[in-house]
Amino acid sequence: MVKQFEVLHKELHTANQKLNSIRCYMEMPVPRNELEPAILAVLDDPEHDGI
């Protein structure tokens, strides 16, 4: 049970980091053609820990 909690906690932490990175990209003056690849790279990275 503890191991399941640890796995879930790690997954939630990674998802939160991804969301924060995407928010950051959305607030930056990034050209649209560069924004999509940056966001997709964040989503595709299983160990993303922020930008």
C-alpha atoms as a PDB file:
ATOM      1  CA  MET A   1       0.000   0.000   0.000  1.00  0.00           C
ATOM      2  CA  VAL A   2       2.817   2.417   0.873  1.00  0.00           C
ATOM      3  CA  LYS A   3       4.561   1.639  -2.412  1.00  0.00           C
ATOM      4  CA  GLN A   4       1.362   2.437  -4.345  1.00  0.00           C
ATOM      5  CA  PHE A   5       1.133   5.764  -2.537  1.00  0.00           C
ATOM      6  CA  GLU A   6       4.759   6.564  -3.398  1.00  0.00           C
ATOM      7  CA  VAL A   7       4.178   5.780  -7.070  1.00  0.00           C
ATOM      8  CA  LEU A   8       0.998   7.850  -7.156  1.00  0.00           C
ATOM      9  CA  HIS A   9       2.716  10.723  -5.356  1.00  0.00           C
ATOM     10  CA  LYS A  10       5.565  10.698  -7.895  1.00  0.00           C
ATOM     11  CA  GLU A  11       3.111  10.626 -10.817  1.00  0.00           C
ATOM     12  CA  LEU A  12       1.134  13.538  -9.372  1.00  0.00           C
ATOM     13  CA  HIS A  13       4.303  15.514  -8.739  1.00  0.00           C
ATOM     14  CA  THR A  14       5.474  14.973 -12.327  1.00  0.00           C
ATOM     15  CA  ALA A  15       2.060  15.939 -13.698  1.00  0.00           C
ATOM     16  CA  ASN A  16       2.087  19.107 -11.593  1.00  0.00           C
ATOM     17  CA  GLN A  17       5.584  20.010 -12.826  1.00  0.00           C
ATOM     18  CA  LYS A  18       4.441  19.495 -16.418  1.00  0.00           C
ATOM     19  CA  LEU A  19       1.407  21.698 -15.876  1.00  0.00           C
ATOM     20  CA  ASN A  20       3.548  24.434 -14.309  1.00  0.00           C
ATOM     21  CA  SER A  21       5.971  24.289 -17.244  1.00  0.00           C
ATOM     22  CA  ILE A  22       3.139  24.524 -19.756  1.00  0.00           C
ATOM     23  CA  ARG A  23       1.717  27.527 -17.879  1.00  0.00           C
ATOM     24  CA  CYS A  24       5.138  29.152 -17.983  1.00  0.00           C
ATOM     25  CA  TYR A  25       5.428  28.595 -21.741  1.00  0.00           C
ATOM     26  CA  MET A  26       1.939  30.031 -22.257  1.00  0.00           C
ATOM     27  CA  GLU A  27       2.912  33.207 -20.398  1.00  0.00           C
ATOM     28  CA  MET A  28       6.145  33.688 -22.358  1.00  0.00           C
ATOM     29  CA  PRO A  29       6.178  35.650 -25.592  1.00  0.00           C
ATOM     30  CA  VAL A  30       6.970  32.493 -27.582  1.00  0.00           C
ATOM     31  CA  PRO A  31       6.015  32.331 -31.272  1.00  0.00           C
ATOM     32  CA  ARG A  32       3.151  29.925 -31.885  1.00  0.00           C
ATOM     33  CA  ASN A  33       5.262  27.692 -34.148  1.00  0.00           C
ATOM     34  CA  GLU A  34       7.729  27.172 -31.252  1.00  0.00           C
ATOM     35  CA  LEU A  35       5.121  26.838 -28.521  1.00  0.00           C
ATOM     36  CA  GLU A  36       3.543  23.598 -29.695  1.00  0.00           C
ATOM     37  CA  PRO A  37       6.822  21.611 -29.947  1.00  0.00           C
ATOM     38  CA  ALA A  38       7.899  22.894 -26.516  1.00  0.00           C
ATOM     39  CA  ILE A  39       4.629  21.807 -24.898  1.00  0.00           C
ATOM     40  CA  LEU A  40       4.706  18.416 -26.631  1.00  0.00           C
ATOM     41  CA  ALA A  41       8.272  17.869 -25.412  1.00  0.00           C
ATOM     42  CA  VAL A  42       7.130  18.543 -21.846  1.00  0.00           C
ATOM     43  CA  LEU A  43       4.222  16.125 -22.173  1.00  0.00           C
ATOM     44  CA  ASP A  44       6.392  13.403 -23.736  1.00  0.00           C
ATOM     45  CA  ASP A  45       9.080  13.546 -21.038  1.00  0.00           C
ATOM     46  CA  PRO A  46       8.212  10.928 -18.372  1.00  0.00           C
ATOM     47  CA  GLU A  47      10.708  12.402 -15.881  1.00  0.00           C
ATOM     48  CA  HIS A  48       9.992  16.095 -16.480  1.00  0.00           C
ATOM     49  CA  ASP A  49      10.980  18.161 -13.451  1.00  0.00           C
ATOM     50  CA  GLY A  50      10.321  21.695 -14.623  1.00  0.00           C
ATOM     51  CA  ILE A  51      11.862  24.240 -16.951  1.00  0.00           C
END
